[in-house]
Amino acid sequence: MERAFLPRAAGPLLERLLQVFPVVAVMGARQVGKSTLVRHLPTLKGHLYLSLDDLDLRLQAEADPRALLERGDRLILDEVQRVPELLLAIKRSVDEARTPGRFVLTGSAHFLLHAHLGETLAGRAAHLVLWPMTRREQRGLGRAGLWGELLALPLEAWPSFLREARDLREDWRSAVARGSFPVPALLLKDWEERQMWLRAYLQTYLERDVPALRAVENLPELRKLMEALALRSGSLLNQSELARDLGISQPTVHRYLNLLEVSFLLVRLRGYARSRTKRLVKSPKVYLPDPALALYLAGGRPSGAHLETLVLLDLLAFRDAQKNPPGLYYWRTASGQEVDFVLEAGETLLPVEVKATSRPTPKDAHGLLAFLAEYPEAPGGLLLHGGEEVFPLVDRVVAAPWWAVA
């Protein structure tokens, strides 16, 4: 029996983009649900679906791209990064008939970041990033967390609003081990089965996807780098330290990091840079975008860094489902004061700290208080924790269970 389709937070934005652009590219890591989304979206029911994972179809596309595009008036082209030659043919076809929603492209590599390919579709294509599933998507709610509501509400309304989320409570360790990729999160019953799936996932990425991108000569080196990044999840990126620890040249580390990023298997979170009085750290923080993948690569048990990853994934899914996406950053001063995440929506700032403890204390809010002192226009700070209660932690800081928001 086919599993029921679960709506995604990005679905409404995809529908809107299809009304405006002749080409819409849906990009994201392998196995996040791109094909499922485009094949179930009501707007796309009349589109012909063609997967370029099919070797025969891929050979046809390479031999005569225009003939492939003439198979239908409206097409979904899955895994289009496997045949870059198609993009020039799509450009020519769109220039002849600029009908909104003609072509939907999916890809597990950010092919529009490539300078030549991006220029080919400039002004003709919009792109949307699909991240692994949020908890609320896994429960059929079709959305990310309550970030938009918190950005819109005054601070004094946060506690009563957040206390309404009791039916979404969950131990964060269970959520980390379940992960966010649809198959292990929804269909596999325990960590042993999920480890088997993650092992196969990495093998497919390293042995098939990476060679197709022609970017890596030494696959074991890339695997070692992924393990090192999993151990450093949520830490500042130091490329020279990574190179030294792994015995890999710094230019090679730089190239591998870029490869992981365009494959949506690495997130580099930039520092919030606007400051009136403090010197800020600008090096990015690094995360793997799925907590179960990070846990598998690092070994050991779920930690606070994995809970942080869980919250980051929800923030990314929220950001990239908006018509006007907010900025998403971390904040850290040269003296070490830090806030895990900062959402910036127009003039509104929302600093968010994540702590795995079930009993946060005022000491846990030091970074938030430093941020609020530097940016008094922010209404307040949010401390997400591993416990059960919503309560004012200190002045202008509300503590809430992580599951009440994400």
Protein backbone atom coordinates (compact mmCIF):
# COMPACT_ATOMS: atom_id res chain seq x y z
CA MET A 1 0.00 0.00 0.00
CA GLU A 2 1.33 3.43 -0.92
CA ARG A 3 2.10 5.66 2.04
CA ALA A 4 -0.20 8.68 2.29
CA PHE A 5 1.34 11.89 1.00
CA LEU A 6 2.36 14.27 3.78
CA PRO A 7 2.23 17.96 2.77
CA ARG A 8 5.41 20.00 3.02
CA ALA A 9 5.94 23.49 4.40
CA ALA A 10 7.40 24.58 1.05
CA GLY A 11 4.34 23.42 -0.92
CA PRO A 12 2.42 26.74 -0.92
CA LEU A 13 5.53 28.67 -2.01
CA LEU A 14 6.12 26.18 -4.82
CA GLU A 15 2.52 26.67 -5.99
CA ARG A 16 3.03 30.43 -6.02
CA LEU A 17 6.32 30.26 -7.95
CA LEU A 18 4.67 28.07 -10.59
CA GLN A 19 2.21 30.89 -11.28
CA VAL A 20 5.03 33.33 -12.05
CA PHE A 21 8.10 31.57 -13.50
CA PRO A 22 8.37 29.33 -16.57
CA VAL A 23 11.03 27.24 -14.80
CA VAL A 24 10.99 26.29 -11.12
CA ALA A 25 13.87 24.26 -9.68
CA VAL A 26 13.24 22.24 -6.52
CA MET A 27 16.57 21.38 -4.95
CA GLY A 28 17.65 19.52 -1.87
CA ALA A 29 19.67 16.57 -0.64
CA ARG A 30 19.04 13.09 -1.98
CA GLN A 31 15.97 11.41 -0.40
CA VAL A 32 14.38 14.50 1.19
CA GLY A 33 11.13 14.06 -0.79
CA LYS A 34 11.58 16.29 -3.86
CA SER A 35 10.12 13.79 -6.33
CA THR A 36 7.26 12.93 -3.98
CA LEU A 37 6.37 16.60 -3.55
CA VAL A 38 6.29 17.47 -7.25
CA ARG A 39 4.40 14.29 -8.18
CA HIS A 40 1.67 14.93 -5.59
CA LEU A 41 1.21 18.68 -5.96
CA PRO A 42 -2.28 19.25 -7.45
CA THR A 43 -0.97 22.03 -9.71
CA LEU A 44 1.42 19.56 -11.38
CA LYS A 45 -1.02 16.72 -12.07
CA GLY A 46 -0.96 17.52 -15.81
CA HIS A 47 2.83 17.54 -16.09
CA LEU A 48 4.69 14.64 -17.70
CA TYR A 49 7.21 13.19 -15.24
CA LEU A 50 10.62 12.14 -16.59
CA SER A 51 13.42 10.88 -14.32
CA LEU A 52 16.96 11.33 -15.55
CA ASP A 53 18.07 8.60 -13.17
CA ASP A 54 16.83 6.34 -15.98
CA LEU A 55 19.88 5.55 -18.14
CA ASP A 56 17.99 5.25 -21.44
CA LEU A 57 16.25 8.56 -20.87
CA ARG A 58 19.53 10.17 -19.88
CA LEU A 59 21.20 9.00 -23.09
CA GLN A 60 18.29 10.38 -25.12
CA ALA A 61 18.56 13.71 -23.32
CA GLU A 62 22.29 13.92 -24.00
CA ALA A 63 21.87 13.01 -27.67
CA ASP A 64 18.92 15.30 -28.47
CA PRO A 65 17.82 17.57 -25.58
CA ARG A 66 15.25 19.43 -27.68
CA ALA A 67 13.49 16.21 -28.70
CA LEU A 68 13.17 15.21 -25.06
CA LEU A 69 11.57 18.56 -24.19
CA GLU A 70 9.05 18.11 -27.01
CA ARG A 71 7.57 15.05 -25.30
CA GLY A 72 5.08 17.25 -23.47
CA ASP A 73 3.86 20.81 -23.08
CA ARG A 74 4.65 20.74 -19.35
CA LEU A 75 7.40 18.61 -17.88
CA ILE A 76 8.83 17.54 -14.54
CA LEU A 77 12.51 16.68 -15.07
CA ASP A 78 13.82 14.78 -12.06
CA GLU A 79 17.55 14.80 -11.17
CA VAL A 80 18.28 17.30 -13.94
CA GLN A 81 21.85 17.89 -12.74
CA ARG A 82 22.71 14.56 -14.38
CA VAL A 83 22.26 16.12 -17.85
CA PRO A 84 23.47 19.75 -17.73
CA GLU A 85 23.03 20.00 -21.52
CA LEU A 86 19.27 20.13 -20.96
CA LEU A 87 19.42 23.58 -19.40
CA LEU A 88 20.41 25.35 -22.61
CA ALA A 89 17.59 23.56 -24.45
CA ILE A 90 15.18 24.63 -21.70
CA LYS A 91 16.35 28.23 -22.05
CA ARG A 92 15.68 28.20 -25.79
CA SER A 93 12.28 26.60 -25.31
CA VAL A 94 11.29 29.16 -22.67
CA ASP A 95 12.44 32.02 -24.89
CA GLU A 96 9.99 30.76 -27.52
CA ALA A 97 7.07 30.38 -25.09
CA ARG A 98 7.35 31.89 -21.63
CA THR A 99 4.38 30.08 -20.06
CA PRO A 100 4.47 30.00 -16.24
CA GLY A 101 5.05 26.56 -14.77
CA ARG A 102 6.22 24.88 -17.99
CA PHE A 103 9.24 23.14 -16.52
CA VAL A 104 9.77 21.83 -13.00
CA LEU A 105 13.33 20.69 -12.37
CA THR A 106 14.52 18.73 -9.37
CA GLY A 107 18.11 18.17 -8.36
CA SER A 108 20.14 16.82 -5.47
CA ALA A 109 22.94 19.26 -6.28
CA HIS A 110 22.56 23.04 -6.44
CA PHE A 111 23.23 23.21 -10.18
CA LEU A 112 22.11 26.85 -10.42
CA LEU A 113 25.14 27.84 -8.32
CA HIS A 114 27.39 26.85 -11.20
CA ALA A 115 28.23 30.14 -12.92
CA HIS A 116 27.51 28.96 -16.49
CA LEU A 117 24.35 27.04 -15.64
CA GLY A 118 23.01 29.84 -13.47
CA GLU A 119 23.49 32.35 -16.28
CA THR A 120 21.71 30.00 -18.70
CA LEU A 121 18.42 30.28 -16.80
CA ALA A 122 18.88 33.77 -15.32
CA GLY A 123 15.57 35.63 -15.23
CA ARG A 124 13.67 32.51 -16.28
CA ALA A 125 13.93 30.26 -13.23
CA ALA A 126 13.09 30.44 -9.54
CA HIS A 127 14.54 27.96 -7.11
CA LEU A 128 13.23 26.46 -3.92
CA VAL A 129 15.17 24.39 -1.39
CA LEU A 130 13.48 21.39 0.21
CA TRP A 131 15.08 20.31 3.49
CA PRO A 132 14.57 17.01 5.31
CA MET A 133 11.18 16.73 7.01
CA THR A 134 10.38 18.79 10.08
CA ARG A 135 8.63 17.11 12.99
CA ARG A 136 5.38 18.84 12.09
CA GLU A 137 5.64 17.67 8.50
CA GLN A 138 6.20 14.12 9.78
CA ARG A 139 2.96 14.48 11.77
CA GLY A 140 1.01 15.59 8.71
CA LEU A 141 0.78 19.28 9.66
CA GLY A 142 2.59 20.48 6.53
CA ARG A 143 4.61 23.19 8.22
CA ALA A 144 7.75 24.07 10.14
CA GLY A 145 7.67 25.39 13.71
CA LEU A 146 6.00 28.44 15.21
CA TRP A 147 8.68 30.94 14.26
CA GLY A 148 6.37 33.17 12.23
CA GLU A 149 3.91 33.43 15.09
CA LEU A 150 6.64 34.31 17.58
CA LEU A 151 8.01 36.99 15.26
CA ALA A 152 4.54 38.53 15.08
CA LEU A 153 3.54 38.27 18.76
CA PRO A 154 4.59 40.62 21.57
CA LEU A 155 6.86 39.10 24.21
CA GLU A 156 4.15 39.06 26.87
CA ALA A 157 2.00 36.79 24.68
CA TRP A 158 4.68 34.14 24.15
CA PRO A 159 4.14 32.03 27.34
CA SER A 160 0.40 31.49 26.93
CA PHE A 161 0.82 30.83 23.20
CA LEU A 162 3.60 28.27 23.71
CA ARG A 163 1.72 26.41 26.46
CA GLU A 164 -0.85 25.31 23.86
CA ALA A 165 1.57 22.84 22.20
CA ARG A 166 1.26 19.96 24.70
CA ASP A 167 0.21 17.36 22.12
CA LEU A 168 3.56 17.79 20.33
CA ARG A 169 5.76 16.86 23.29
CA GLU A 170 8.60 14.45 22.61
CA ASP A 171 11.93 13.46 24.10
CA TRP A 172 14.57 15.15 21.97
CA ARG A 173 16.77 12.05 21.94
CA SER A 174 14.02 10.08 20.20
CA ALA A 175 13.57 12.84 17.64
CA VAL A 176 17.32 12.95 16.97
CA ALA A 177 17.56 9.17 16.47
CA ARG A 178 14.51 9.17 14.20
CA GLY A 179 16.02 11.89 12.05
CA SER A 180 14.38 13.87 9.30
CA PHE A 181 14.82 11.95 6.06
CA PRO A 182 11.34 10.63 5.20
CA VAL A 183 12.14 6.92 4.87
CA PRO A 184 13.97 6.35 8.18
CA ALA A 185 11.78 8.86 10.03
CA LEU A 186 8.45 7.43 8.90
CA LEU A 187 8.99 3.81 7.85
CA LEU A 188 11.84 2.33 9.92
CA LYS A 189 11.15 1.21 13.45
CA ASP A 190 14.44 1.43 15.37
CA TRP A 191 17.97 2.81 15.38
CA GLU A 192 19.47 -0.41 14.00
CA GLU A 193 17.31 -0.17 10.86
CA ARG A 194 18.03 3.53 10.52
CA GLN A 195 21.77 2.90 10.76
CA MET A 196 21.48 0.42 7.89
CA TRP A 197 19.61 3.00 5.81
CA LEU A 198 22.09 5.78 6.60
CA ARG A 199 25.01 3.52 5.71
CA ALA A 200 23.44 2.81 2.31
CA TYR A 201 22.60 6.50 1.86
CA LEU A 202 26.21 7.55 2.35
CA GLN A 203 27.45 4.76 0.10
CA THR A 204 25.14 5.92 -2.71
CA TYR A 205 26.20 9.54 -2.25
CA LEU A 206 29.91 8.73 -2.25
CA GLU A 207 29.93 6.08 -4.97
CA ARG A 208 27.35 7.50 -7.37
CA ASP A 209 26.51 11.15 -6.76
CA VAL A 210 30.00 12.46 -6.06
CA PRO A 211 31.62 10.82 -9.11
CA ALA A 212 28.79 12.24 -11.26
CA LEU A 213 29.82 15.72 -10.10
CA ARG A 214 33.45 14.97 -11.05
CA ALA A 215 34.70 16.69 -7.94
CA VAL A 216 36.58 14.14 -5.80
CA GLU A 217 39.45 11.79 -6.51
CA ASN A 218 39.69 10.28 -3.02
CA LEU A 219 36.32 9.17 -1.62
CA PRO A 220 37.71 7.91 1.73
CA GLU A 221 39.05 11.43 2.36
CA LEU A 222 35.59 12.90 1.83
CA ARG A 223 34.07 10.32 4.19
CA LYS A 224 36.68 11.21 6.84
CA LEU A 225 35.83 14.88 6.44
CA MET A 226 32.12 14.18 6.91
CA GLU A 227 32.88 12.28 10.12
CA ALA A 228 35.03 15.17 11.37
CA LEU A 229 32.25 17.66 10.58
CA ALA A 230 29.73 15.49 12.44
CA LEU A 231 31.96 15.64 15.52
CA ARG A 232 32.19 19.43 15.15
CA SER A 233 28.49 20.04 14.47
CA GLY A 234 27.53 23.50 15.71
CA SER A 235 31.17 24.61 15.99
CA LEU A 236 33.01 27.40 14.21
CA LEU A 237 34.54 26.30 10.92
CA ASN A 238 38.33 26.19 10.99
CA GLN A 239 39.55 24.87 7.65
CA SER A 240 43.23 24.84 8.55
CA GLU A 241 42.51 22.80 11.70
CA LEU A 242 40.41 20.32 9.71
CA ALA A 243 43.16 19.98 7.12
CA ARG A 244 45.81 19.40 9.79
CA ASP A 245 43.74 16.87 11.76
CA LEU A 246 42.81 14.88 8.65
CA GLY A 247 46.14 15.13 6.83
CA ILE A 248 44.46 16.72 3.81
CA SER A 249 45.58 19.89 2.08
CA GLN A 250 43.61 23.03 2.90
CA PRO A 251 42.60 23.65 -0.76
CA THR A 252 41.22 20.09 -0.86
CA VAL A 253 39.26 20.63 2.35
CA HIS A 254 37.87 23.85 0.88
CA ARG A 255 36.78 22.02 -2.29
CA TYR A 256 35.18 19.18 -0.32
CA LEU A 257 33.26 21.62 1.88
CA ASN A 258 31.89 23.34 -1.21
CA LEU A 259 30.87 19.97 -2.64
CA LEU A 260 28.99 19.01 0.52
CA GLU A 261 27.28 22.39 0.58
CA VAL A 262 26.05 22.22 -3.03
CA SER A 263 24.85 18.67 -2.24
CA PHE A 264 22.84 20.09 0.71
CA LEU A 265 24.74 17.87 3.16
CA LEU A 266 26.47 20.77 4.89
CA VAL A 267 25.06 24.01 6.26
CA ARG A 268 27.39 26.95 6.85
CA LEU A 269 25.60 29.36 9.15
CA ARG A 270 26.93 32.90 8.93
CA GLY A 271 27.45 35.16 11.92
CA TYR A 272 25.11 38.09 12.48
CA ALA A 273 27.36 40.99 11.57
CA ARG A 274 25.51 44.17 12.54
CA SER A 275 26.94 45.57 15.77
CA ARG A 276 27.15 48.97 17.38
CA THR A 277 29.69 48.33 20.11
CA LYS A 278 31.12 44.78 19.99
CA ARG A 279 33.64 43.04 17.76
CA LEU A 280 31.89 40.02 16.29
CA VAL A 281 33.09 36.64 15.07
CA LYS A 282 32.34 36.20 11.36
CA SER A 283 33.56 32.65 10.70
CA PRO A 284 30.60 30.39 9.84
CA LYS A 285 29.34 27.60 12.07
CA VAL A 286 28.95 24.22 10.42
CA TYR A 287 26.16 21.65 10.70
CA LEU A 288 25.08 18.50 8.95
CA PRO A 289 21.41 19.13 8.17
CA ASP A 290 19.99 15.90 9.62
CA PRO A 291 20.52 14.98 13.28
CA ALA A 292 20.40 11.22 12.69
CA LEU A 293 23.02 11.47 9.95
CA ALA A 294 25.24 13.53 12.25
CA LEU A 295 24.71 11.02 15.07
CA TYR A 296 25.52 8.07 12.80
CA LEU A 297 28.72 9.65 11.45
CA ALA A 298 29.94 10.79 14.87
CA GLY A 299 29.02 7.64 16.77
CA GLY A 300 28.20 7.86 20.46
CA ARG A 301 24.95 9.12 21.93
CA PRO A 302 22.67 12.08 21.20
CA SER A 303 24.09 15.33 22.56
CA GLY A 304 23.09 18.95 22.81
CA ALA A 305 24.66 19.57 19.40
CA HIS A 306 22.16 17.15 17.87
CA LEU A 307 19.24 18.96 19.50
CA GLU A 308 20.67 22.19 18.10
CA THR A 309 20.73 20.56 14.65
CA LEU A 310 17.09 19.53 15.05
CA VAL A 311 16.12 23.14 15.76
CA LEU A 312 18.30 24.44 12.91
CA LEU A 313 16.59 22.12 10.43
CA ASP A 314 13.21 23.50 11.48
CA LEU A 315 14.46 27.07 11.10
CA LEU A 316 15.84 26.32 7.63
CA ALA A 317 12.54 24.76 6.53
CA PHE A 318 10.66 27.79 7.88
CA ARG A 319 13.00 30.27 6.20
CA ASP A 320 12.92 28.62 2.80
CA ALA A 321 9.13 28.27 2.77
CA GLN A 322 8.61 32.06 2.94
CA LYS A 323 7.99 34.40 0.01
CA ASN A 324 10.21 36.90 1.81
CA PRO A 325 12.65 34.66 3.68
CA PRO A 326 14.05 36.00 6.96
CA GLY A 327 17.77 36.07 7.61
CA LEU A 328 19.10 33.18 9.69
CA TYR A 329 22.38 33.59 11.58
CA TYR A 330 24.22 32.86 14.80
CA TRP A 331 25.75 35.57 16.98
CA ARG A 332 29.11 35.49 18.76
CA THR A 333 31.34 38.22 20.11
CA ALA A 334 35.13 38.14 20.18
CA SER A 335 34.89 37.74 23.97
CA GLY A 336 32.83 34.54 23.63
CA GLN A 337 29.25 35.69 24.25
CA GLU A 338 27.07 33.64 21.90
CA VAL A 339 23.51 32.97 20.76
CA ASP A 340 22.83 29.82 18.73
CA PHE A 341 20.41 31.33 16.20
CA VAL A 342 19.14 34.75 15.20
CA LEU A 343 16.09 35.23 12.96
CA GLU A 344 15.88 38.63 11.28
CA ALA A 345 12.54 39.39 9.60
CA GLY A 346 12.48 42.99 8.44
CA GLU A 347 13.09 45.07 11.56
CA THR A 348 12.25 42.21 13.94
CA LEU A 349 14.98 40.15 15.63
CA LEU A 350 14.42 36.84 17.40
CA PRO A 351 17.47 35.39 19.23
CA VAL A 352 17.19 31.68 20.08
CA GLU A 353 19.36 29.65 22.43
CA VAL A 354 19.12 25.83 22.60
CA LYS A 355 19.97 23.86 25.75
CA ALA A 356 19.50 20.11 26.20
CA THR A 357 19.01 20.47 29.96
CA SER A 358 15.52 19.93 31.34
CA ARG A 359 16.04 22.62 34.01
CA PRO A 360 17.56 25.76 32.50
CA THR A 361 18.88 28.37 34.92
CA PRO A 362 19.45 32.13 34.53
CA LYS A 363 23.10 31.36 33.77
CA ASP A 364 21.96 29.67 30.54
CA ALA A 365 20.55 33.01 29.35
CA HIS A 366 23.82 35.00 29.50
CA GLY A 367 24.28 34.99 25.73
CA LEU A 368 20.68 36.04 25.14
CA LEU A 369 20.97 38.87 27.66
CA ALA A 370 24.16 40.11 25.99
CA PHE A 371 22.40 40.07 22.62
CA LEU A 372 19.35 41.92 23.98
CA ALA A 373 21.61 44.55 25.55
CA GLU A 374 23.32 45.06 22.18
CA TYR A 375 20.03 45.06 20.25
CA PRO A 376 17.37 46.55 22.54
CA GLU A 377 14.91 46.70 19.65
CA ALA A 378 14.54 42.89 19.81
CA PRO A 379 11.34 42.17 21.78
CA GLY A 380 12.89 39.31 23.75
CA GLY A 381 14.89 36.11 23.66
CA LEU A 382 13.79 32.47 23.48
CA LEU A 383 15.58 29.66 25.30
CA LEU A 384 14.55 26.21 24.08
CA HIS A 385 15.26 23.36 26.50
CA GLY A 386 14.76 19.64 26.96
CA GLY A 387 12.21 19.91 29.75
CA GLU A 388 8.43 20.34 29.98
CA GLU A 389 7.63 23.84 31.19
CA VAL A 390 7.16 27.30 29.68
CA PHE A 391 8.23 30.09 32.04
CA PRO A 392 9.97 33.49 32.19
CA LEU A 393 13.63 32.66 32.82
CA VAL A 394 14.97 36.20 33.33
CA ASP A 395 13.78 39.61 32.23
CA ARG A 396 12.90 39.53 28.49
CA VAL A 397 13.78 35.83 28.12
CA VAL A 398 11.17 33.07 27.90
CA ALA A 399 12.17 29.43 28.42
CA ALA A 400 10.12 26.82 26.55
CA PRO A 401 10.40 23.13 25.66
CA TRP A 402 12.01 22.70 22.25
CA TRP A 403 8.97 20.74 21.04
CA ALA A 404 6.64 23.65 21.81
CA VAL A 405 8.22 25.59 18.92
CA ALA A 406 10.08 23.21 16.56
